[in-house]
Amino acid sequence: MDDVSVLADAASMIGMAPLTPREGVVHGWGDMEVAFAVERDGDGFLVRREDRGRSSVMGRFPELTEADVFLLMILGSIWRTNRGLGDPFPAEPAPGAVVERLDAGGYRVDAHGYSAVVTSRVYASRYAHVAGSGMQAVAELLLA
């Protein structure tokens, strides 16, 4: 199964439908209240959240595959929460990972040979556990 199919399945499991295509958006899903999209951003990719018309960047990634891993982490976390399942992530970043606060805001994550800038400390710590893992491993962790 390709990465987009894994994301589409995860989005469908929480009642989200594909977003209407628009310029710059690689792919995304949403419902009546919230939407998540991966967008092109210069040489990299953004994961953006739209919540009742308010848009915010959740993370910046140099590679599409890592933006997709991050988005799957978010969708899978929502699915787990909706079912009363526990959080599979420890409070601290993965062993060997570095999560540091940036002066400009957000957190730089360096983990398993991958780097990203994530706006939330919680999501930065979670991403440190799945960076470079690939979609199937993240799906197995979150959606099992």
N, C-alpha and C. Protein backbone atom coordinates (compact mmCIF):
# COMPACT_ATOMS: atom_id res chain seq x y z
N MET A 1 0.85 -1.17 0.00
CA MET A 1 0.00 0.00 0.00
C MET A 1 0.90 1.24 0.00
N ASP A 2 0.60 2.21 -0.86
CA ASP A 2 1.43 3.41 -0.91
C ASP A 2 1.08 4.37 0.23
N ASP A 3 1.95 5.37 0.42
CA ASP A 3 1.80 6.30 1.54
C ASP A 3 0.46 7.03 1.53
N VAL A 4 0.01 7.48 0.37
CA VAL A 4 -1.25 8.22 0.30
C VAL A 4 -2.42 7.32 0.67
N SER A 5 -2.39 6.06 0.27
CA SER A 5 -3.46 5.12 0.64
C SER A 5 -3.50 4.89 2.14
N VAL A 6 -2.33 4.80 2.77
CA VAL A 6 -2.28 4.63 4.23
C VAL A 6 -2.90 5.86 4.90
N LEU A 7 -2.54 7.04 4.43
CA LEU A 7 -3.11 8.27 4.98
C LEU A 7 -4.61 8.34 4.74
N ALA A 8 -5.05 8.01 3.54
CA ALA A 8 -6.48 8.05 3.21
C ALA A 8 -7.27 7.10 4.10
N ASP A 9 -6.73 5.92 4.35
CA ASP A 9 -7.40 4.96 5.23
C ASP A 9 -7.50 5.49 6.65
N ALA A 10 -6.41 6.08 7.15
CA ALA A 10 -6.42 6.64 8.51
C ALA A 10 -7.41 7.79 8.61
N ALA A 11 -7.45 8.65 7.60
CA ALA A 11 -8.39 9.78 7.60
C ALA A 11 -9.83 9.27 7.56
N SER A 12 -10.09 8.28 6.74
CA SER A 12 -11.43 7.71 6.64
C SER A 12 -11.88 7.11 7.96
N MET A 13 -10.96 6.51 8.70
CA MET A 13 -11.30 5.88 9.98
C MET A 13 -11.77 6.90 11.01
N ILE A 14 -11.41 8.18 10.82
CA ILE A 14 -11.87 9.22 11.75
C ILE A 14 -12.88 10.15 11.09
N GLY A 15 -13.45 9.71 9.98
CA GLY A 15 -14.54 10.44 9.35
C GLY A 15 -14.11 11.61 8.49
N MET A 16 -12.88 11.62 8.03
CA MET A 16 -12.41 12.71 7.18
C MET A 16 -12.41 12.29 5.72
N ALA A 17 -12.77 13.24 4.86
CA ALA A 17 -12.80 13.02 3.42
C ALA A 17 -11.67 13.81 2.75
N PRO A 18 -11.29 13.41 1.53
CA PRO A 18 -10.24 14.16 0.83
C PRO A 18 -10.63 15.62 0.63
N LEU A 19 -9.64 16.49 0.73
CA LEU A 19 -9.88 17.91 0.49
C LEU A 19 -9.99 18.16 -1.02
N THR A 20 -10.71 19.19 -1.38
CA THR A 20 -10.79 19.61 -2.77
C THR A 20 -9.39 20.06 -3.20
N PRO A 21 -8.89 19.56 -4.33
CA PRO A 21 -7.54 19.95 -4.76
C PRO A 21 -7.41 21.47 -4.88
N ARG A 22 -6.24 21.97 -4.44
CA ARG A 22 -5.94 23.39 -4.60
C ARG A 22 -4.43 23.54 -4.76
N GLU A 23 -4.04 24.65 -5.32
CA GLU A 23 -2.64 24.89 -5.62
C GLU A 23 -1.76 24.78 -4.37
N GLY A 24 -0.66 24.06 -4.52
CA GLY A 24 0.30 23.91 -3.44
C GLY A 24 0.03 22.76 -2.50
N VAL A 25 -1.20 22.26 -2.48
CA VAL A 25 -1.55 21.15 -1.57
C VAL A 25 -1.22 19.83 -2.26
N VAL A 26 -0.39 19.02 -1.61
CA VAL A 26 -0.05 17.71 -2.14
C VAL A 26 -1.20 16.75 -1.88
N HIS A 27 -1.68 16.72 -0.65
CA HIS A 27 -2.87 15.95 -0.28
C HIS A 27 -3.32 16.40 1.10
N GLY A 28 -4.60 16.11 1.38
CA GLY A 28 -5.15 16.48 2.68
C GLY A 28 -6.55 15.93 2.86
N TRP A 29 -7.00 15.94 4.12
CA TRP A 29 -8.30 15.40 4.49
C TRP A 29 -8.91 16.26 5.57
N GLY A 30 -10.24 16.25 5.63
CA GLY A 30 -10.90 17.03 6.67
C GLY A 30 -12.34 16.64 6.85
N ASP A 31 -12.95 17.28 7.86
CA ASP A 31 -14.37 17.13 8.11
C ASP A 31 -14.96 18.53 8.23
N MET A 32 -16.12 18.66 8.84
CA MET A 32 -16.80 19.96 8.92
C MET A 32 -16.06 20.96 9.81
N GLU A 33 -15.20 20.49 10.69
CA GLU A 33 -14.54 21.40 11.64
C GLU A 33 -13.05 21.56 11.45
N VAL A 34 -12.37 20.49 11.06
CA VAL A 34 -10.91 20.54 11.00
C VAL A 34 -10.41 19.83 9.75
N ALA A 35 -9.28 20.31 9.23
CA ALA A 35 -8.66 19.67 8.07
C ALA A 35 -7.15 19.69 8.27
N PHE A 36 -6.50 18.69 7.69
CA PHE A 36 -5.05 18.60 7.71
C PHE A 36 -4.57 18.44 6.28
N ALA A 37 -3.48 19.13 5.93
CA ALA A 37 -2.96 19.05 4.57
C ALA A 37 -1.44 19.07 4.58
N VAL A 38 -0.86 18.42 3.59
CA VAL A 38 0.57 18.52 3.33
C VAL A 38 0.69 19.44 2.13
N GLU A 39 1.51 20.48 2.27
CA GLU A 39 1.69 21.49 1.22
C GLU A 39 3.15 21.62 0.85
N ARG A 40 3.40 21.98 -0.39
CA ARG A 40 4.75 22.31 -0.82
C ARG A 40 5.16 23.64 -0.18
N ASP A 41 6.43 23.74 0.21
CA ASP A 41 6.95 24.97 0.81
C ASP A 41 8.40 25.13 0.38
N GLY A 42 8.62 25.82 -0.73
CA GLY A 42 9.98 25.97 -1.24
C GLY A 42 10.58 24.61 -1.54
N ASP A 43 11.67 24.28 -0.85
CA ASP A 43 12.35 23.00 -1.05
C ASP A 43 11.81 21.91 -0.13
N GLY A 44 10.79 22.20 0.65
CA GLY A 44 10.29 21.22 1.61
C GLY A 44 8.78 21.15 1.60
N PHE A 45 8.24 20.70 2.74
CA PHE A 45 6.81 20.47 2.87
C PHE A 45 6.33 20.92 4.24
N LEU A 46 5.12 21.43 4.29
CA LEU A 46 4.45 21.83 5.53
C LEU A 46 3.33 20.86 5.82
N VAL A 47 3.07 20.65 7.09
CA VAL A 47 1.82 20.04 7.50
C VAL A 47 1.03 21.15 8.15
N ARG A 48 -0.14 21.40 7.60
CA ARG A 48 -0.97 22.52 8.04
C ARG A 48 -2.30 22.00 8.57
N ARG A 49 -2.80 22.68 9.60
CA ARG A 49 -4.10 22.38 10.18
C ARG A 49 -5.00 23.59 9.95
N GLU A 50 -6.22 23.33 9.51
CA GLU A 50 -7.24 24.37 9.41
C GLU A 50 -8.36 23.99 10.36
N ASP A 51 -8.65 24.90 11.27
CA ASP A 51 -9.66 24.65 12.30
C ASP A 51 -10.67 25.79 12.27
N ARG A 52 -11.84 25.50 11.70
CA ARG A 52 -12.90 26.50 11.58
C ARG A 52 -12.41 27.79 10.93
N GLY A 53 -11.66 27.63 9.84
CA GLY A 53 -11.19 28.78 9.07
C GLY A 53 -9.85 29.33 9.52
N ARG A 54 -9.35 28.90 10.65
CA ARG A 54 -8.05 29.37 11.15
C ARG A 54 -6.98 28.37 10.73
N SER A 55 -5.96 28.84 10.07
CA SER A 55 -4.91 27.98 9.56
C SER A 55 -3.63 28.12 10.38
N SER A 56 -2.98 26.99 10.66
CA SER A 56 -1.71 27.03 11.38
C SER A 56 -0.79 25.93 10.87
N VAL A 57 0.49 26.24 10.84
CA VAL A 57 1.49 25.26 10.44
C VAL A 57 1.84 24.42 11.66
N MET A 58 1.84 23.12 11.48
CA MET A 58 2.19 22.21 12.58
C MET A 58 3.63 21.73 12.48
N GLY A 59 4.18 21.69 11.25
CA GLY A 59 5.55 21.25 11.09
C GLY A 59 6.06 21.51 9.69
N ARG A 60 7.40 21.60 9.59
CA ARG A 60 8.09 21.78 8.31
C ARG A 60 9.08 20.64 8.15
N PHE A 61 9.09 20.02 6.96
CA PHE A 61 9.88 18.83 6.71
C PHE A 61 10.60 18.95 5.38
N PRO A 62 11.85 18.51 5.31
CA PRO A 62 12.56 18.57 4.03
C PRO A 62 12.09 17.51 3.03
N GLU A 63 11.45 16.46 3.52
CA GLU A 63 11.03 15.35 2.65
C GLU A 63 9.53 15.09 2.78
N LEU A 64 8.89 14.78 1.66
CA LEU A 64 7.46 14.46 1.66
C LEU A 64 7.17 13.25 2.53
N THR A 65 8.02 12.24 2.48
CA THR A 65 7.76 11.03 3.25
C THR A 65 7.70 11.33 4.75
N GLU A 66 8.51 12.26 5.22
CA GLU A 66 8.48 12.59 6.64
C GLU A 66 7.28 13.47 7.00
N ALA A 67 6.86 14.33 6.10
CA ALA A 67 5.63 15.10 6.32
C ALA A 67 4.45 14.13 6.42
N ASP A 68 4.45 13.11 5.58
CA ASP A 68 3.39 12.10 5.61
C ASP A 68 3.42 11.29 6.90
N VAL A 69 4.61 10.92 7.37
CA VAL A 69 4.74 10.20 8.64
C VAL A 69 4.17 11.05 9.77
N PHE A 70 4.49 12.34 9.77
CA PHE A 70 3.98 13.25 10.80
C PHE A 70 2.46 13.34 10.74
N LEU A 71 1.91 13.48 9.53
CA LEU A 71 0.45 13.56 9.39
C LEU A 71 -0.21 12.26 9.84
N LEU A 72 0.37 11.12 9.51
CA LEU A 72 -0.19 9.86 9.97
C LEU A 72 -0.14 9.77 11.49
N MET A 73 0.93 10.27 12.09
CA MET A 73 1.03 10.30 13.54
C MET A 73 -0.13 11.09 14.14
N ILE A 74 -0.47 12.22 13.53
CA ILE A 74 -1.58 13.05 14.01
C ILE A 74 -2.92 12.32 13.83
N LEU A 75 -3.17 11.82 12.63
CA LEU A 75 -4.44 11.13 12.36
C LEU A 75 -4.60 9.90 13.25
N GLY A 76 -3.53 9.15 13.40
CA GLY A 76 -3.58 7.96 14.26
C GLY A 76 -3.82 8.31 15.71
N SER A 77 -3.25 9.41 16.17
CA SER A 77 -3.47 9.86 17.55
C SER A 77 -4.93 10.24 17.77
N ILE A 78 -5.54 10.88 16.78
CA ILE A 78 -6.97 11.22 16.87
C ILE A 78 -7.80 9.95 16.94
N TRP A 79 -7.50 8.99 16.08
CA TRP A 79 -8.22 7.71 16.07
C TRP A 79 -8.13 7.03 17.43
N ARG A 80 -6.93 7.00 18.01
CA ARG A 80 -6.74 6.37 19.32
C ARG A 80 -7.54 7.11 20.40
N THR A 81 -7.50 8.43 20.39
CA THR A 81 -8.22 9.22 21.37
C THR A 81 -9.72 8.97 21.27
N ASN A 82 -10.24 8.94 20.04
CA ASN A 82 -11.67 8.69 19.82
C ASN A 82 -12.13 7.34 20.36
N ARG A 83 -11.22 6.40 20.48
CA ARG A 83 -11.54 5.07 20.96
C ARG A 83 -11.12 4.83 22.41
N GLY A 84 -10.63 5.86 23.06
CA GLY A 84 -10.22 5.74 24.45
C GLY A 84 -8.96 4.91 24.64
N LEU A 85 -8.16 4.80 23.59
CA LEU A 85 -6.91 4.05 23.67
C LEU A 85 -5.81 4.95 24.23
N GLY A 86 -4.84 4.36 24.86
CA GLY A 86 -3.76 5.13 25.45
C GLY A 86 -2.81 5.73 24.43
N ASP A 87 -2.04 6.67 24.90
CA ASP A 87 -1.03 7.33 24.08
C ASP A 87 0.19 6.40 24.01
N PRO A 88 0.62 5.98 22.83
CA PRO A 88 1.74 5.04 22.74
C PRO A 88 3.11 5.71 22.88
N PHE A 89 3.13 7.02 23.05
CA PHE A 89 4.39 7.74 23.10
C PHE A 89 4.78 8.10 24.53
N PRO A 90 6.04 7.85 24.90
CA PRO A 90 6.52 8.34 26.19
C PRO A 90 6.54 9.88 26.17
N ALA A 91 6.57 10.48 27.34
CA ALA A 91 6.56 11.94 27.43
C ALA A 91 7.84 12.56 26.87
N GLU A 92 8.94 11.83 26.96
CA GLU A 92 10.22 12.35 26.50
C GLU A 92 10.52 11.89 25.07
N PRO A 93 11.38 12.64 24.35
CA PRO A 93 11.76 12.22 23.01
C PRO A 93 12.45 10.85 23.02
N ALA A 94 12.54 10.24 21.86
CA ALA A 94 13.19 8.94 21.72
C ALA A 94 14.65 9.03 22.15
N PRO A 95 15.20 7.93 22.65
CA PRO A 95 16.62 7.91 23.02
C PRO A 95 17.49 8.31 21.82
N GLY A 96 18.43 9.19 22.05
CA GLY A 96 19.32 9.65 21.01
C GLY A 96 18.78 10.81 20.19
N ALA A 97 17.50 11.10 20.32
CA ALA A 97 16.90 12.21 19.58
C ALA A 97 17.15 13.52 20.33
N VAL A 98 17.19 14.60 19.57
CA VAL A 98 17.35 15.93 20.16
C VAL A 98 16.14 16.77 19.77
N VAL A 99 15.49 17.34 20.77
CA VAL A 99 14.39 18.27 20.55
C VAL A 99 14.79 19.55 21.26
N GLU A 100 14.99 20.63 20.48
CA GLU A 100 15.42 21.88 21.08
C GLU A 100 14.52 23.04 20.67
N ARG A 101 14.25 23.90 21.62
CA ARG A 101 13.41 25.09 21.36
C ARG A 101 14.18 26.07 20.51
N LEU A 102 13.53 26.62 19.52
CA LEU A 102 14.14 27.61 18.63
C LEU A 102 13.76 29.02 19.08
N ASP A 103 14.68 29.95 18.92
CA ASP A 103 14.40 31.34 19.29
C ASP A 103 13.22 31.91 18.50
N ALA A 104 13.08 31.47 17.25
CA ALA A 104 12.00 31.96 16.39
C ALA A 104 10.67 31.28 16.68
N GLY A 105 10.67 30.33 17.61
CA GLY A 105 9.45 29.59 17.94
C GLY A 105 9.50 28.20 17.36
N GLY A 106 8.82 27.30 18.00
CA GLY A 106 8.81 25.92 17.56
C GLY A 106 9.99 25.15 18.11
N TYR A 107 10.12 23.92 17.63
CA TYR A 107 11.14 23.00 18.13
C TYR A 107 11.81 22.30 16.96
N ARG A 108 13.11 22.28 16.98
CA ARG A 108 13.87 21.51 15.99
C ARG A 108 14.01 20.09 16.52
N VAL A 109 13.69 19.13 15.66
CA VAL A 109 13.78 17.72 16.01
C VAL A 109 14.85 17.09 15.13
N ASP A 110 15.81 16.45 15.75
CA ASP A 110 16.81 15.65 15.05
C ASP A 110 16.72 14.25 15.62
N ALA A 111 16.29 13.31 14.79
CA ALA A 111 16.08 11.94 15.28
C ALA A 111 16.28 10.94 14.14
N HIS A 112 17.05 9.93 14.41
CA HIS A 112 17.23 8.81 13.48
C HIS A 112 17.70 9.28 12.10
N GLY A 113 18.49 10.37 12.05
CA GLY A 113 19.00 10.88 10.79
C GLY A 113 18.04 11.80 10.05
N TYR A 114 16.94 12.19 10.69
CA TYR A 114 15.95 13.08 10.07
C TYR A 114 15.81 14.33 10.90
N SER A 115 15.48 15.45 10.23
CA SER A 115 15.29 16.72 10.92
C SER A 115 13.98 17.34 10.49
N ALA A 116 13.38 18.09 11.40
CA ALA A 116 12.15 18.81 11.11
C ALA A 116 12.02 19.94 12.12
N VAL A 117 11.13 20.88 11.83
CA VAL A 117 10.76 21.91 12.79
C VAL A 117 9.27 21.74 13.04
N VAL A 118 8.93 21.54 14.31
CA VAL A 118 7.55 21.27 14.71
C VAL A 118 7.13 22.35 15.70
N THR A 119 5.91 22.85 15.58
CA THR A 119 5.50 23.99 16.40
C THR A 119 5.15 23.63 17.83
N SER A 120 4.75 22.41 18.10
CA SER A 120 4.33 21.99 19.44
C SER A 120 5.38 21.09 20.07
N ARG A 121 5.68 21.32 21.34
CA ARG A 121 6.63 20.46 22.08
C ARG A 121 6.13 19.01 22.13
N VAL A 122 4.85 18.83 22.36
CA VAL A 122 4.29 17.48 22.44
C VAL A 122 4.46 16.76 21.10
N TYR A 123 4.10 17.40 20.00
CA TYR A 123 4.23 16.76 18.70
C TYR A 123 5.69 16.58 18.31
N ALA A 124 6.56 17.48 18.73
CA ALA A 124 7.99 17.33 18.46
C ALA A 124 8.52 16.07 19.14
N SER A 125 8.14 15.89 20.39
CA SER A 125 8.57 14.71 21.14
C SER A 125 8.02 13.43 20.51
N ARG A 126 6.76 13.45 20.11
CA ARG A 126 6.16 12.29 19.45
C ARG A 126 6.85 11.98 18.13
N TYR A 127 7.09 13.03 17.33
CA TYR A 127 7.74 12.82 16.03
C TYR A 127 9.12 12.21 16.21
N ALA A 128 9.81 12.57 17.28
CA ALA A 128 11.14 12.02 17.54
C ALA A 128 11.10 10.49 17.65
N HIS A 129 9.96 9.95 18.01
CA HIS A 129 9.82 8.49 18.12
C HIS A 129 9.54 7.82 16.77
N VAL A 130 8.98 8.55 15.81
CA VAL A 130 8.60 7.92 14.54
C VAL A 130 9.40 8.40 13.34
N ALA A 131 10.25 9.40 13.52
CA ALA A 131 11.06 9.93 12.41
C ALA A 131 11.80 8.80 11.71
N GLY A 132 11.67 8.75 10.40
CA GLY A 132 12.37 7.76 9.61
C GLY A 132 11.83 6.35 9.70
N SER A 133 10.73 6.16 10.40
CA SER A 133 10.19 4.81 10.60
C SER A 133 9.45 4.26 9.39
N GLY A 134 8.93 5.13 8.55
CA GLY A 134 8.12 4.69 7.42
C GLY A 134 6.66 4.55 7.80
N MET A 135 5.81 4.63 6.80
CA MET A 135 4.37 4.66 7.02
C MET A 135 3.83 3.37 7.64
N GLN A 136 4.29 2.23 7.18
CA GLN A 136 3.75 0.97 7.70
C GLN A 136 4.04 0.81 9.19
N ALA A 137 5.26 1.13 9.60
CA ALA A 137 5.61 1.01 11.03
C ALA A 137 4.77 1.95 11.88
N VAL A 138 4.54 3.17 11.40
CA VAL A 138 3.73 4.14 12.16
C VAL A 138 2.28 3.69 12.20
N ALA A 139 1.77 3.18 11.08
CA ALA A 139 0.40 2.67 11.06
C ALA A 139 0.24 1.51 12.04
N GLU A 140 1.20 0.62 12.06
CA GLU A 140 1.12 -0.52 12.99
C GLU A 140 1.15 -0.05 14.44
N LEU A 141 1.95 0.95 14.74
CA LEU A 141 2.04 1.48 16.10
C LEU A 141 0.73 2.15 16.52
N LEU A 142 0.18 2.98 15.66
CA LEU A 142 -0.96 3.81 16.05
C LEU A 142 -2.33 3.19 15.77
N LEU A 143 -2.44 2.45 14.70
CA LEU A 143 -3.77 2.01 14.28
C LEU A 143 -4.06 0.55 14.60
N ALA A 144 -3.16 -0.08 15.30
CA ALA A 144 -3.37 -1.49 15.62
C ALA A 144 -4.32 -1.65 16.79
